Amino acid sequence: MDSKRFLPTRPDKRAREAGLHWEDGDFAERFPACYALLAAAKDGVDPREGATLLVFAEGGSLKVCVNDRATGQSMWLTLQNAEDIWREVDTYIQAHPNAWRERMVPKSRR
């Protein structure tokens, strides 16, 4: 799997030092974009800080926030079925590489 085709990378020093490597059977093959985001280490590449995936219900739909901590960007999806979360998120990441939003820095209160 060439994870670089989905997202930029930034090494995660803590993961490299700890020797972390997240893996779950055929998950990487079934959902390569999700695996590339969530994994602490990738094929022959320095470990990167893993992403977070937040799922919550709102207004009769499931909302999914994918936060790529390595780049400071996030992506949002709205789904109707919990069983399809991994497939939908993976498909969306691959199909919409420009859907990432930059982190918003709040203005300081003075």
N, C-alpha and C. Protein backbone atom coordinates (compact mmCIF):
# COMPACT_ATOMS: atom_id res chain seq x y z
N MET A 1 0.84 -1.18 0.00
CA MET A 1 0.00 0.00 0.00
C MET A 1 0.88 1.24 0.00
N ASP A 2 0.62 2.15 -0.89
CA ASP A 2 1.35 3.41 -0.95
C ASP A 2 0.52 4.47 -0.25
N SER A 3 0.76 4.65 1.04
CA SER A 3 -0.05 5.57 1.83
C SER A 3 0.17 7.02 1.44
N LYS A 4 1.29 7.35 0.80
CA LYS A 4 1.56 8.74 0.42
C LYS A 4 0.57 9.24 -0.62
N ARG A 5 -0.10 8.33 -1.33
CA ARG A 5 -1.03 8.79 -2.35
C ARG A 5 -2.30 9.36 -1.74
N PHE A 6 -2.53 9.16 -0.45
CA PHE A 6 -3.73 9.67 0.20
C PHE A 6 -3.49 10.95 0.98
N LEU A 7 -2.33 11.10 1.58
CA LEU A 7 -2.12 12.24 2.47
C LEU A 7 -0.66 12.52 2.68
N PRO A 8 -0.35 13.76 3.07
CA PRO A 8 1.04 14.09 3.39
C PRO A 8 1.44 13.44 4.71
N THR A 9 2.72 13.34 4.96
CA THR A 9 3.17 12.72 6.20
C THR A 9 4.05 13.67 6.99
N ARG A 10 4.05 13.47 8.28
CA ARG A 10 4.96 14.17 9.17
C ARG A 10 5.35 13.15 10.23
N PRO A 11 6.63 12.87 10.40
CA PRO A 11 7.04 11.84 11.35
C PRO A 11 6.55 12.12 12.76
N ASP A 12 6.23 11.07 13.48
CA ASP A 12 5.82 11.16 14.87
C ASP A 12 6.95 10.58 15.72
N LYS A 13 7.72 11.45 16.34
CA LYS A 13 8.89 11.03 17.11
C LYS A 13 8.51 10.06 18.23
N ARG A 14 7.38 10.32 18.91
CA ARG A 14 6.97 9.44 20.02
C ARG A 14 6.69 8.02 19.52
N ALA A 15 6.01 7.90 18.39
CA ALA A 15 5.69 6.58 17.85
C ALA A 15 6.96 5.85 17.43
N ARG A 16 7.87 6.57 16.80
CA ARG A 16 9.12 5.96 16.35
C ARG A 16 9.91 5.44 17.54
N GLU A 17 10.02 6.25 18.60
CA GLU A 17 10.79 5.86 19.78
C GLU A 17 10.14 4.68 20.50
N ALA A 18 8.81 4.64 20.50
CA ALA A 18 8.10 3.57 21.20
C ALA A 18 7.98 2.31 20.34
N GLY A 19 8.31 2.42 19.06
CA GLY A 19 8.18 1.28 18.17
C GLY A 19 6.73 0.90 17.90
N LEU A 20 5.83 1.86 17.95
CA LEU A 20 4.42 1.58 17.76
C LEU A 20 4.10 1.23 16.32
N HIS A 21 3.20 0.29 16.15
CA HIS A 21 2.71 -0.07 14.82
C HIS A 21 1.33 -0.68 15.00
N TRP A 22 0.34 0.01 14.52
CA TRP A 22 -1.04 -0.43 14.66
C TRP A 22 -1.43 -1.26 13.45
N GLU A 23 -2.04 -2.41 13.68
CA GLU A 23 -2.42 -3.27 12.57
C GLU A 23 -3.62 -4.11 12.98
N ASP A 24 -4.49 -4.39 12.03
CA ASP A 24 -5.70 -5.16 12.34
C ASP A 24 -6.09 -6.00 11.13
N GLY A 25 -5.52 -7.19 11.03
CA GLY A 25 -5.88 -8.13 9.98
C GLY A 25 -5.88 -7.52 8.59
N ASP A 26 -7.00 -7.63 7.90
CA ASP A 26 -7.08 -7.13 6.53
C ASP A 26 -7.60 -5.70 6.45
N PHE A 27 -7.65 -5.00 7.57
CA PHE A 27 -8.14 -3.62 7.60
C PHE A 27 -7.37 -2.74 6.61
N ALA A 28 -6.05 -2.87 6.59
CA ALA A 28 -5.22 -2.05 5.70
C ALA A 28 -5.54 -2.29 4.23
N GLU A 29 -5.89 -3.50 3.90
CA GLU A 29 -6.23 -3.80 2.51
C GLU A 29 -7.65 -3.35 2.17
N ARG A 30 -8.58 -3.51 3.11
CA ARG A 30 -9.97 -3.14 2.85
C ARG A 30 -10.19 -1.64 2.87
N PHE A 31 -9.47 -0.93 3.77
CA PHE A 31 -9.66 0.51 3.95
C PHE A 31 -8.29 1.20 3.97
N PRO A 32 -7.60 1.25 2.84
CA PRO A 32 -6.22 1.76 2.84
C PRO A 32 -6.08 3.22 3.26
N ALA A 33 -7.03 4.07 2.92
CA ALA A 33 -6.93 5.48 3.30
C ALA A 33 -7.12 5.65 4.80
N CYS A 34 -8.07 4.93 5.38
CA CYS A 34 -8.28 4.98 6.84
C CYS A 34 -7.06 4.45 7.56
N TYR A 35 -6.51 3.35 7.07
CA TYR A 35 -5.33 2.79 7.70
C TYR A 35 -4.16 3.77 7.65
N ALA A 36 -3.97 4.42 6.50
CA ALA A 36 -2.87 5.37 6.36
C ALA A 36 -3.00 6.51 7.35
N LEU A 37 -4.21 6.93 7.64
CA LEU A 37 -4.43 8.01 8.60
C LEU A 37 -4.26 7.56 10.04
N LEU A 38 -4.79 6.40 10.37
CA LEU A 38 -4.82 5.96 11.76
C LEU A 38 -3.56 5.25 12.23
N ALA A 39 -2.82 4.65 11.32
CA ALA A 39 -1.65 3.87 11.70
C ALA A 39 -0.53 4.76 12.22
N ALA A 40 0.17 4.27 13.21
CA ALA A 40 1.30 5.02 13.75
C ALA A 40 2.54 4.82 12.90
N ALA A 41 2.61 3.73 12.15
CA ALA A 41 3.75 3.46 11.29
C ALA A 41 3.24 2.97 9.95
N LYS A 42 4.01 3.25 8.92
CA LYS A 42 3.60 2.85 7.58
C LYS A 42 4.74 2.15 6.87
N ASP A 43 4.45 1.49 5.79
CA ASP A 43 5.41 0.70 5.03
C ASP A 43 6.66 1.50 4.67
N GLY A 44 7.76 1.25 5.37
CA GLY A 44 9.03 1.86 5.03
C GLY A 44 9.10 3.37 5.24
N VAL A 45 8.15 3.94 5.96
CA VAL A 45 8.12 5.38 6.18
C VAL A 45 8.18 5.62 7.68
N ASP A 46 8.81 6.72 8.07
CA ASP A 46 8.82 7.04 9.50
C ASP A 46 7.41 7.10 10.03
N PRO A 47 7.21 6.73 11.29
CA PRO A 47 5.87 6.82 11.88
C PRO A 47 5.36 8.25 11.86
N ARG A 48 4.07 8.39 11.75
CA ARG A 48 3.43 9.70 11.77
C ARG A 48 2.44 9.71 12.92
N GLU A 49 2.07 10.87 13.35
CA GLU A 49 1.07 10.99 14.41
C GLU A 49 -0.27 10.55 13.84
N GLY A 50 -0.89 9.58 14.49
CA GLY A 50 -2.15 9.04 13.99
C GLY A 50 -3.29 10.03 14.06
N ALA A 51 -4.26 9.83 13.21
CA ALA A 51 -5.44 10.69 13.16
C ALA A 51 -6.45 10.24 14.21
N THR A 52 -7.43 11.10 14.44
CA THR A 52 -8.56 10.72 15.30
C THR A 52 -9.81 10.69 14.44
N LEU A 53 -10.72 9.82 14.81
CA LEU A 53 -11.99 9.68 14.12
C LEU A 53 -13.07 9.80 15.18
N LEU A 54 -13.92 10.81 15.03
CA LEU A 54 -14.99 11.07 15.99
C LEU A 54 -16.33 10.85 15.30
N VAL A 55 -17.18 10.03 15.91
CA VAL A 55 -18.50 9.75 15.36
C VAL A 55 -19.54 10.14 16.41
N PHE A 56 -20.55 10.92 15.98
CA PHE A 56 -21.62 11.29 16.90
C PHE A 56 -22.92 11.43 16.12
N ALA A 57 -24.03 11.36 16.84
CA ALA A 57 -25.35 11.49 16.22
C ALA A 57 -25.85 12.90 16.42
N GLU A 58 -26.45 13.45 15.33
CA GLU A 58 -27.00 14.80 15.39
C GLU A 58 -28.05 14.94 14.30
N GLY A 59 -29.22 15.38 14.67
CA GLY A 59 -30.27 15.64 13.69
C GLY A 59 -30.68 14.44 12.87
N GLY A 60 -30.66 13.25 13.48
CA GLY A 60 -31.07 12.05 12.77
C GLY A 60 -30.02 11.46 11.85
N SER A 61 -28.82 12.01 11.88
CA SER A 61 -27.72 11.50 11.04
C SER A 61 -26.50 11.23 11.91
N LEU A 62 -25.58 10.48 11.36
CA LEU A 62 -24.29 10.29 12.01
C LEU A 62 -23.32 11.29 11.40
N LYS A 63 -22.59 11.98 12.24
CA LYS A 63 -21.57 12.93 11.79
C LYS A 63 -20.22 12.29 12.10
N VAL A 64 -19.32 12.38 11.15
CA VAL A 64 -17.98 11.82 11.32
C VAL A 64 -16.96 12.92 11.08
N CYS A 65 -16.09 13.11 12.04
CA CYS A 65 -14.99 14.06 11.90
C CYS A 65 -13.70 13.26 11.88
N VAL A 66 -12.93 13.43 10.83
CA VAL A 66 -11.61 12.82 10.73
C VAL A 66 -10.61 13.95 10.94
N ASN A 67 -9.82 13.86 11.99
CA ASN A 67 -8.84 14.90 12.31
C ASN A 67 -7.44 14.34 12.10
N ASP A 68 -6.76 14.84 11.10
CA ASP A 68 -5.39 14.41 10.83
C ASP A 68 -4.45 15.26 11.67
N ARG A 69 -4.05 14.74 12.81
CA ARG A 69 -3.21 15.50 13.73
C ARG A 69 -1.85 15.82 13.13
N ALA A 70 -1.39 15.00 12.20
CA ALA A 70 -0.07 15.22 11.59
C ALA A 70 -0.04 16.47 10.72
N THR A 71 -1.18 16.82 10.11
CA THR A 71 -1.21 17.99 9.23
C THR A 71 -2.04 19.13 9.80
N GLY A 72 -2.82 18.86 10.86
CA GLY A 72 -3.68 19.88 11.43
C GLY A 72 -4.94 20.13 10.62
N GLN A 73 -5.31 19.17 9.77
CA GLN A 73 -6.49 19.33 8.94
C GLN A 73 -7.59 18.36 9.37
N SER A 74 -8.83 18.71 9.02
CA SER A 74 -9.95 17.84 9.35
C SER A 74 -10.87 17.69 8.15
N MET A 75 -11.71 16.67 8.21
CA MET A 75 -12.65 16.37 7.15
C MET A 75 -13.94 15.91 7.83
N TRP A 76 -15.09 16.34 7.30
CA TRP A 76 -16.38 16.01 7.89
C TRP A 76 -17.25 15.26 6.90
N LEU A 77 -17.99 14.26 7.40
CA LEU A 77 -18.93 13.51 6.59
C LEU A 77 -20.23 13.37 7.36
N THR A 78 -21.34 13.22 6.65
CA THR A 78 -22.64 12.93 7.24
C THR A 78 -23.10 11.60 6.66
N LEU A 79 -23.42 10.65 7.54
CA LEU A 79 -23.82 9.30 7.12
C LEU A 79 -25.17 8.93 7.72
N GLN A 80 -25.81 7.96 7.10
CA GLN A 80 -27.10 7.47 7.60
C GLN A 80 -27.00 6.10 8.25
N ASN A 81 -25.88 5.40 8.06
CA ASN A 81 -25.77 4.02 8.51
C ASN A 81 -24.44 3.79 9.21
N ALA A 82 -24.48 3.34 10.45
CA ALA A 82 -23.25 3.11 11.21
C ALA A 82 -22.41 1.97 10.64
N GLU A 83 -23.05 1.01 10.01
CA GLU A 83 -22.32 -0.13 9.47
C GLU A 83 -21.40 0.26 8.32
N ASP A 84 -21.66 1.39 7.70
CA ASP A 84 -20.88 1.81 6.54
C ASP A 84 -19.79 2.82 6.85
N ILE A 85 -19.55 3.10 8.12
CA ILE A 85 -18.62 4.17 8.48
C ILE A 85 -17.25 3.99 7.83
N TRP A 86 -16.60 2.85 8.03
CA TRP A 86 -15.25 2.66 7.50
C TRP A 86 -15.23 2.76 5.98
N ARG A 87 -16.17 2.09 5.33
CA ARG A 87 -16.20 2.11 3.86
C ARG A 87 -16.44 3.52 3.34
N GLU A 88 -17.39 4.23 3.93
CA GLU A 88 -17.72 5.59 3.47
C GLU A 88 -16.57 6.56 3.71
N VAL A 89 -15.96 6.49 4.89
CA VAL A 89 -14.84 7.39 5.19
C VAL A 89 -13.67 7.11 4.24
N ASP A 90 -13.35 5.83 4.04
CA ASP A 90 -12.24 5.48 3.16
C ASP A 90 -12.50 5.94 1.73
N THR A 91 -13.68 5.70 1.22
CA THR A 91 -14.05 6.12 -0.13
C THR A 91 -13.99 7.63 -0.27
N TYR A 92 -14.49 8.35 0.73
CA TYR A 92 -14.50 9.81 0.68
C TYR A 92 -13.08 10.38 0.68
N ILE A 93 -12.21 9.84 1.53
CA ILE A 93 -10.83 10.33 1.58
C ILE A 93 -10.15 10.17 0.22
N GLN A 94 -10.35 9.02 -0.40
CA GLN A 94 -9.72 8.76 -1.69
C GLN A 94 -10.32 9.62 -2.81
N ALA A 95 -11.61 9.84 -2.76
CA ALA A 95 -12.30 10.57 -3.84
C ALA A 95 -12.23 12.09 -3.71
N HIS A 96 -11.95 12.59 -2.51
CA HIS A 96 -11.96 14.04 -2.28
C HIS A 96 -10.68 14.50 -1.59
N PRO A 97 -9.55 14.43 -2.27
CA PRO A 97 -8.28 14.82 -1.62
C PRO A 97 -8.21 16.29 -1.24
N ASN A 98 -9.08 17.12 -1.81
CA ASN A 98 -9.06 18.55 -1.49
C ASN A 98 -10.12 18.94 -0.46
N ALA A 99 -10.76 17.96 0.16
CA ALA A 99 -11.81 18.25 1.13
C ALA A 99 -11.28 18.56 2.52
N TRP A 100 -9.98 18.46 2.71
CA TRP A 100 -9.41 18.74 4.03
C TRP A 100 -9.51 20.22 4.34
N ARG A 101 -9.84 20.53 5.58
CA ARG A 101 -9.93 21.92 6.05
C ARG A 101 -8.76 22.21 6.96
N GLU A 102 -8.22 23.39 6.83
CA GLU A 102 -7.13 23.80 7.72
C GLU A 102 -7.69 24.05 9.12
N ARG A 103 -6.84 23.84 10.10
CA ARG A 103 -7.22 24.10 11.48
C ARG A 103 -7.45 25.60 11.67
N MET A 104 -8.55 25.93 12.31
CA MET A 104 -8.85 27.34 12.57
C MET A 104 -8.27 27.72 13.92
N VAL A 105 -7.50 28.76 13.92
CA VAL A 105 -6.90 29.25 15.16
C VAL A 105 -7.78 30.37 15.69
N PRO A 106 -8.33 30.18 16.90
CA PRO A 106 -9.20 31.23 17.44
C PRO A 106 -8.44 32.53 17.70
N LYS A 107 -9.11 33.62 17.46
CA LYS A 107 -8.51 34.94 17.73
C LYS A 107 -8.40 35.10 19.24
N SER A 108 -7.29 35.66 19.66
CA SER A 108 -7.09 35.84 21.10
C SER A 108 -8.01 36.95 21.61
N ARG A 109 -8.45 36.76 22.82
CA ARG A 109 -9.32 37.76 23.45
C ARG A 109 -8.45 38.75 24.22
N ARG A 110 -8.60 39.97 23.91
CA ARG A 110 -7.79 40.99 24.63
C ARG A 110 -8.69 41.97 25.29
